Amino acid sequence: MTQPAPIGPVDASAVPRYAGPATFARLPRLDQVTRADVAVLGLPFDTGVSYRPGARFGPAHVRASSKLLRPYHPALDVSPFAAQQVADAGDLGINPFDIEEAIRTVEHASNDLREGGTKLLSIGGDHTVALPLLRSVHRDHGPVAVLHFDAHLDTWDTYFGAAYTHGTPFRRASEEGLIDPERSMHVGIRGPLYGAHDLTADGVLGFQVIHTDDYQLQGLATVIERMHARLGDGPVYVSVDIDVLDPAHAPGTGTPEAGGLTSRELLHSLRALVGTDIVGADIVEVAPAYDHAEITGIAAAHVAYELLSVLALGKPS
């Protein structure tokens, strides 16, 4: 049976960009299409933060900042909204007072939305949400490579005795066997740590590290080669904490660190994932109260656009 042509964004020549639907890139809602190859899901949750709150308002901010996205990606020669059906699944109602219940809610919603092969691009929210999203993906794909862009490792054990926070999702994921310890990697790590043991423990959990300084000292091309060598073949989950960017490029986040990536470096790194078997992705830690002129929101919207473009090109058969 022939599938209907994808429904794309509202035509900017007919409806001004500052008007129209408040969905991501002014795309159709999930209930307006018969099927979706990719669903964009908002996860307004920030109960797991350890410093600045406010990422619960991130999904709406990223959507508002996505209005200027256009339908053709010239660098990759792809029209991501014509090559696949992308729809906005709205925001998930998440308990802000009970982290473990919130985690279950996200996992169950992810399971439901991915039924039938739909891939999920989630917009947070704090990084706690990566754990239930990985649990859901693991149900269908087994252990996956995690490609984690972040200023921070997020493999600490606990904060104030709490096992589930935005600084612990990848330790829990490793302990639960959700990640492939031979293929996972952090990219963009920088800044002070609690001690040298942080990096040692992180390696035991199954991660290699590309530091932000490596972009400067080794160059973008070498970093991308290292990234591909580590990921190899097999399913990959991409998790982007917007604080991987320098605060000059993303001031609106909860735990900023000086010396980060430029937005151009991040977009090129994501663009290089063409041909990778991406089975899910998230963009987290956008906190609009600290943003200025939508700098962070626009960066996050373009991160989503790069990931959708890579997904549109698919994995070579």
Protein backbone atom coordinates (compact mmCIF):
# COMPACT_ATOMS: atom_id res chain seq x y z
CA MET A 1 0.00 0.00 0.00
CA THR A 2 1.37 3.42 -0.98
CA GLN A 3 1.96 5.74 1.94
CA PRO A 4 0.57 9.28 1.64
CA ALA A 5 3.08 12.05 1.01
CA PRO A 6 4.37 13.61 4.23
CA ILE A 7 2.65 16.73 5.51
CA GLY A 8 5.27 19.39 5.99
CA PRO A 9 5.48 22.72 7.80
CA VAL A 10 3.06 25.55 7.21
CA ASP A 11 4.07 27.45 4.06
CA ALA A 12 5.95 30.59 5.12
CA SER A 13 4.88 32.35 1.93
CA ALA A 14 1.24 31.96 2.96
CA VAL A 15 1.43 32.38 6.76
CA PRO A 16 4.10 34.62 8.35
CA ARG A 17 6.65 32.77 10.47
CA TYR A 18 5.62 34.66 13.60
CA ALA A 19 2.09 33.28 13.16
CA GLY A 20 0.77 29.80 12.53
CA PRO A 21 0.88 26.76 14.81
CA ALA A 22 3.11 26.66 17.88
CA THR A 23 4.48 23.24 16.96
CA PHE A 24 8.13 22.47 16.27
CA ALA A 25 9.04 24.07 12.92
CA ARG A 26 5.29 24.67 12.45
CA LEU A 27 4.87 20.99 11.60
CA PRO A 28 1.56 19.11 11.97
CA ARG A 29 0.52 17.71 15.31
CA LEU A 30 0.71 13.97 15.74
CA ASP A 31 -3.09 13.70 15.74
CA GLN A 32 -3.20 15.40 12.32
CA VAL A 33 -1.28 12.66 10.49
CA THR A 34 -2.01 8.98 9.91
CA ARG A 35 1.52 7.94 10.85
CA ALA A 36 4.84 9.47 11.82
CA ASP A 37 8.39 8.41 11.02
CA VAL A 38 9.64 10.77 13.72
CA ALA A 39 7.68 12.27 16.62
CA VAL A 40 8.97 15.37 18.41
CA LEU A 41 8.04 15.06 22.09
CA GLY A 42 8.37 17.78 24.72
CA LEU A 43 9.45 16.70 28.20
CA PRO A 44 8.89 19.70 30.51
CA PHE A 45 10.64 18.39 33.61
CA ASP A 46 13.49 19.81 35.69
CA THR A 47 13.08 18.31 39.16
CA GLY A 48 16.44 16.56 38.75
CA VAL A 49 18.58 19.70 38.41
CA SER A 50 21.40 20.45 40.83
CA TYR A 51 21.89 24.17 40.14
CA ARG A 52 19.67 26.49 38.05
CA PRO A 53 16.08 25.33 37.51
CA GLY A 54 13.96 26.30 34.51
CA ALA A 55 14.47 23.60 31.88
CA ARG A 56 10.82 22.61 32.31
CA PHE A 57 10.14 25.58 30.03
CA GLY A 58 12.64 24.36 27.45
CA PRO A 59 10.30 22.53 25.05
CA ALA A 60 8.09 25.57 24.47
CA HIS A 61 11.15 27.80 24.03
CA VAL A 62 12.76 25.50 21.45
CA ARG A 63 9.49 25.30 19.53
CA ALA A 64 9.19 29.09 19.49
CA SER A 65 12.80 29.34 18.31
CA SER A 66 12.23 26.83 15.50
CA LYS A 67 9.85 29.00 13.45
CA LEU A 68 12.63 30.16 11.13
CA LEU A 69 13.73 26.65 10.11
CA ARG A 70 13.33 26.09 6.39
CA PRO A 71 12.45 22.86 4.57
CA TYR A 72 15.71 22.25 2.62
CA HIS A 73 19.12 21.41 4.10
CA PRO A 74 21.68 22.44 1.45
CA ALA A 75 24.77 20.95 3.12
CA LEU A 76 23.20 17.48 3.20
CA ASP A 77 21.02 17.98 0.11
CA VAL A 78 17.91 16.72 1.88
CA SER A 79 14.44 18.01 2.65
CA PRO A 80 13.91 16.38 6.06
CA PHE A 81 10.18 17.11 6.24
CA ALA A 82 9.48 15.82 2.71
CA ALA A 83 11.59 12.66 3.01
CA GLN A 84 9.83 11.51 6.17
CA GLN A 85 6.73 12.36 8.16
CA VAL A 86 7.70 14.42 11.19
CA ALA A 87 4.98 15.40 13.66
CA ASP A 88 4.84 17.21 16.98
CA ALA A 89 3.57 14.97 19.78
CA GLY A 90 3.10 17.86 22.19
CA ASP A 91 4.29 17.94 25.79
CA LEU A 92 4.07 15.02 28.19
CA GLY A 93 2.44 15.70 31.55
CA ILE A 94 5.11 14.71 34.09
CA ASN A 95 4.86 14.70 37.88
CA PRO A 96 7.18 17.49 39.12
CA PHE A 97 7.20 16.20 42.72
CA ASP A 98 8.12 12.52 42.28
CA ILE A 99 11.21 11.79 40.17
CA GLU A 100 10.75 8.02 40.05
CA GLU A 101 7.14 8.39 38.92
CA ALA A 102 8.28 10.94 36.34
CA ILE A 103 10.85 8.47 35.01
CA ARG A 104 8.18 5.77 34.65
CA THR A 105 5.87 8.21 32.87
CA VAL A 106 8.53 9.10 30.31
CA GLU A 107 9.45 5.46 29.70
CA HIS A 108 5.84 4.38 29.16
CA ALA A 109 5.09 7.33 26.87
CA SER A 110 8.21 6.56 24.83
CA ASN A 111 7.15 2.92 24.50
CA ASP A 112 3.71 3.98 23.27
CA LEU A 113 4.95 6.58 20.80
CA ARG A 114 7.57 4.29 19.28
CA GLU A 115 5.06 1.53 18.52
CA GLY A 116 5.05 0.79 14.81
CA GLY A 117 8.59 2.02 14.24
CA THR A 118 8.23 5.73 14.98
CA LYS A 119 11.49 7.28 16.17
CA LEU A 120 11.47 9.78 18.99
CA LEU A 121 13.25 13.13 19.12
CA SER A 122 12.71 14.40 22.66
CA ILE A 123 13.13 17.97 23.83
CA GLY A 124 13.68 18.48 27.55
CA GLY A 125 13.69 19.16 30.29
CA ASP A 126 16.71 18.16 32.31
CA HIS A 127 19.03 15.25 31.58
CA THR A 128 17.27 12.91 34.00
CA VAL A 129 14.90 12.07 31.12
CA ALA A 130 17.67 10.31 29.17
CA LEU A 131 17.46 7.29 31.48
CA PRO A 132 13.81 6.36 30.79
CA LEU A 133 14.27 7.12 27.09
CA LEU A 134 17.20 4.68 27.01
CA ARG A 135 15.18 2.08 28.90
CA SER A 136 12.51 2.32 26.22
CA VAL A 137 14.97 2.09 23.32
CA HIS A 138 16.71 -0.87 24.98
CA ARG A 139 13.41 -2.77 24.99
CA ASP A 140 13.52 -2.97 21.19
CA HIS A 141 17.21 -2.69 20.35
CA GLY A 142 19.13 -4.09 23.29
CA PRO A 143 22.26 -2.26 24.45
CA VAL A 144 22.90 0.79 22.26
CA ALA A 145 25.88 3.05 21.74
CA VAL A 146 25.30 6.34 23.51
CA LEU A 147 26.79 9.39 21.82
CA HIS A 148 26.55 12.01 24.53
CA PHE A 149 27.33 15.68 23.83
CA ASP A 150 27.76 17.53 27.13
CA ALA A 151 30.07 19.66 29.21
CA HIS A 152 29.63 17.10 32.01
CA LEU A 153 30.02 13.34 32.28
CA ASP A 154 26.63 12.74 33.94
CA THR A 155 27.95 9.48 35.33
CA TRP A 156 28.12 10.51 38.98
CA ASP A 157 26.63 8.09 41.48
CA THR A 158 24.32 10.22 43.65
CA TYR A 159 23.57 13.78 44.72
CA PHE A 160 22.60 14.13 48.40
CA GLY A 161 21.89 10.39 48.35
CA ALA A 162 19.52 10.65 45.36
CA ALA A 163 20.18 8.09 42.62
CA TYR A 164 18.07 9.78 39.93
CA THR A 165 19.18 13.29 38.95
CA HIS A 166 20.39 15.07 35.84
CA GLY A 167 23.97 14.19 36.80
CA THR A 168 23.45 10.41 37.11
CA PRO A 169 21.48 9.07 34.08
CA PHE A 170 24.37 7.43 32.27
CA ARG A 171 25.71 5.69 35.39
CA ARG A 172 22.26 4.18 35.96
CA ALA A 173 22.01 3.30 32.25
CA SER A 174 25.37 1.53 32.35
CA GLU A 175 24.49 -0.33 35.56
CA GLU A 176 21.21 -1.48 33.98
CA GLY A 177 22.95 -2.77 30.86
CA LEU A 178 21.23 -0.27 28.57
CA ILE A 179 24.40 0.94 26.83
CA ASP A 180 27.04 -0.80 24.73
CA PRO A 181 30.24 -0.30 26.78
CA GLU A 182 32.45 -0.87 23.73
CA ARG A 183 30.86 1.85 21.59
CA SER A 184 29.73 4.72 23.83
CA MET A 185 31.31 8.16 24.02
CA HIS A 186 31.07 11.58 25.64
CA VAL A 187 31.85 14.60 23.45
CA GLY A 188 32.59 18.12 24.66
CA ILE A 189 33.61 17.36 28.25
CA ARG A 190 35.38 20.20 30.02
CA GLY A 191 35.70 22.09 33.27
CA PRO A 192 36.63 21.08 36.81
CA LEU A 193 35.75 17.68 38.26
CA TYR A 194 35.50 16.40 41.82
CA GLY A 195 38.66 14.38 41.29
CA ALA A 196 40.64 12.23 38.84
CA HIS A 197 38.52 9.27 39.90
CA ASP A 198 35.56 10.79 38.01
CA LEU A 199 37.24 10.01 34.69
CA THR A 200 38.50 6.61 35.87
CA ALA A 201 35.04 5.54 37.01
CA ASP A 202 33.51 6.86 33.80
CA GLY A 203 35.81 4.63 31.74
CA VAL A 204 34.75 1.58 33.74
CA LEU A 205 31.13 2.40 32.92
CA GLY A 206 31.87 2.10 29.20
CA PHE A 207 32.59 5.58 27.89
CA GLN A 208 35.45 7.12 25.97
CA VAL A 209 35.85 10.90 26.13
CA ILE A 210 36.43 13.58 23.53
CA HIS A 211 37.26 16.76 25.42
CA THR A 212 36.38 20.20 24.11
CA ASP A 213 40.10 20.95 23.88
CA ASP A 214 40.42 18.12 21.35
CA TYR A 215 38.44 20.20 18.85
CA GLN A 216 41.05 22.94 19.18
CA LEU A 217 44.17 20.76 19.37
CA GLN A 218 43.26 17.92 16.98
CA GLY A 219 40.75 19.60 14.70
CA LEU A 220 37.17 18.83 13.72
CA ALA A 221 38.04 16.21 11.11
CA THR A 222 40.08 14.14 13.58
CA VAL A 223 37.37 14.39 16.23
CA ILE A 224 34.80 13.11 13.74
CA GLU A 225 37.10 10.22 12.77
CA ARG A 226 37.43 9.26 16.43
CA MET A 227 33.68 9.49 16.87
CA HIS A 228 32.98 7.17 13.94
CA ALA A 229 35.68 4.70 15.01
CA ARG A 230 34.09 4.42 18.44
CA LEU A 231 30.47 4.13 17.28
CA GLY A 232 31.13 1.47 14.63
CA ASP A 233 28.04 -0.34 13.42
CA GLY A 234 24.83 -0.93 15.33
CA PRO A 235 22.17 1.23 16.95
CA VAL A 236 23.12 4.63 18.35
CA TYR A 237 21.25 6.90 20.76
CA VAL A 238 22.25 10.58 20.59
CA SER A 239 21.86 12.76 23.68
CA VAL A 240 22.66 16.47 23.42
CA ASP A 241 22.92 18.60 26.53
CA ILE A 242 22.88 22.16 25.18
CA ASP A 243 25.56 23.12 27.71
CA VAL A 244 28.06 21.33 25.47
CA LEU A 245 28.09 24.73 23.77
CA ASP A 246 30.08 27.59 25.20
CA PRO A 247 27.90 30.02 27.18
CA ALA A 248 28.48 32.53 24.37
CA HIS A 249 26.47 30.20 22.13
CA ALA A 250 24.06 28.85 24.77
CA PRO A 251 23.68 31.06 27.85
CA GLY A 252 20.24 29.67 28.63
CA THR A 253 21.16 26.52 30.50
CA GLY A 254 21.36 25.33 34.07
CA THR A 255 25.05 24.47 34.56
CA PRO A 256 27.13 26.55 32.12
CA GLU A 257 30.87 25.93 31.72
CA ALA A 258 33.35 28.20 29.96
CA GLY A 259 35.38 26.94 27.01
CA GLY A 260 32.71 24.99 25.16
CA LEU A 261 32.01 24.14 21.54
CA THR A 262 30.78 26.67 19.06
CA SER A 263 27.38 26.03 17.56
CA ARG A 264 29.10 25.47 14.20
CA GLU A 265 31.31 22.71 15.67
CA LEU A 266 28.32 20.97 17.21
CA LEU A 267 26.23 21.15 14.03
CA HIS A 268 29.11 19.77 11.94
CA SER A 269 29.61 16.93 14.44
CA LEU A 270 25.94 15.97 14.18
CA ARG A 271 25.91 16.34 10.40
CA ALA A 272 28.75 13.81 10.26
CA LEU A 273 26.39 11.14 11.65
CA VAL A 274 24.89 10.50 8.20
CA GLY A 275 24.82 6.73 7.70
CA THR A 276 24.69 6.01 11.44
CA ASP A 277 21.81 3.87 12.72
CA ILE A 278 20.25 6.46 15.04
CA VAL A 279 17.36 4.92 16.97
CA GLY A 280 16.49 7.89 19.15
CA ALA A 281 17.73 11.27 20.35
CA ASP A 282 17.16 13.98 22.91
CA ILE A 283 18.06 17.64 23.37
CA VAL A 284 18.02 18.75 26.99
CA GLU A 285 18.84 21.47 29.53
CA VAL A 286 17.50 24.50 27.64
CA ALA A 287 16.49 26.95 30.38
CA PRO A 288 14.90 30.00 28.73
CA ALA A 289 14.96 32.22 31.83
CA TYR A 290 18.73 32.57 31.31
CA ASP A 291 18.55 32.93 27.53
CA HIS A 292 19.01 36.15 25.60
CA ALA A 293 17.55 36.92 22.17
CA GLU A 294 16.71 33.19 21.76
CA ILE A 295 20.42 32.36 21.33
CA THR A 296 20.08 29.03 23.14
CA GLY A 297 16.66 28.21 21.74
CA ILE A 298 17.82 28.80 18.16
CA ALA A 299 20.90 26.64 18.71
CA ALA A 300 18.74 23.82 20.11
CA ALA A 301 16.26 24.12 17.23
CA HIS A 302 19.10 23.76 14.73
CA VAL A 303 20.45 20.76 16.64
CA ALA A 304 17.04 19.16 16.21
CA TYR A 305 17.02 20.08 12.51
CA GLU A 306 20.42 18.43 11.97
CA LEU A 307 19.26 15.27 13.71
CA LEU A 308 16.04 15.18 11.67
CA SER A 309 18.06 15.64 8.48
CA VAL A 310 20.38 12.77 9.38
CA LEU A 311 17.36 10.59 10.18
CA ALA A 312 15.80 11.52 6.81
CA LEU A 313 18.85 10.24 4.98
CA GLY A 314 18.68 6.99 6.94
CA LYS A 315 21.16 4.18 7.28
CA PRO A 316 22.58 2.76 4.03
CA SER A 317 21.20 -0.72 3.25
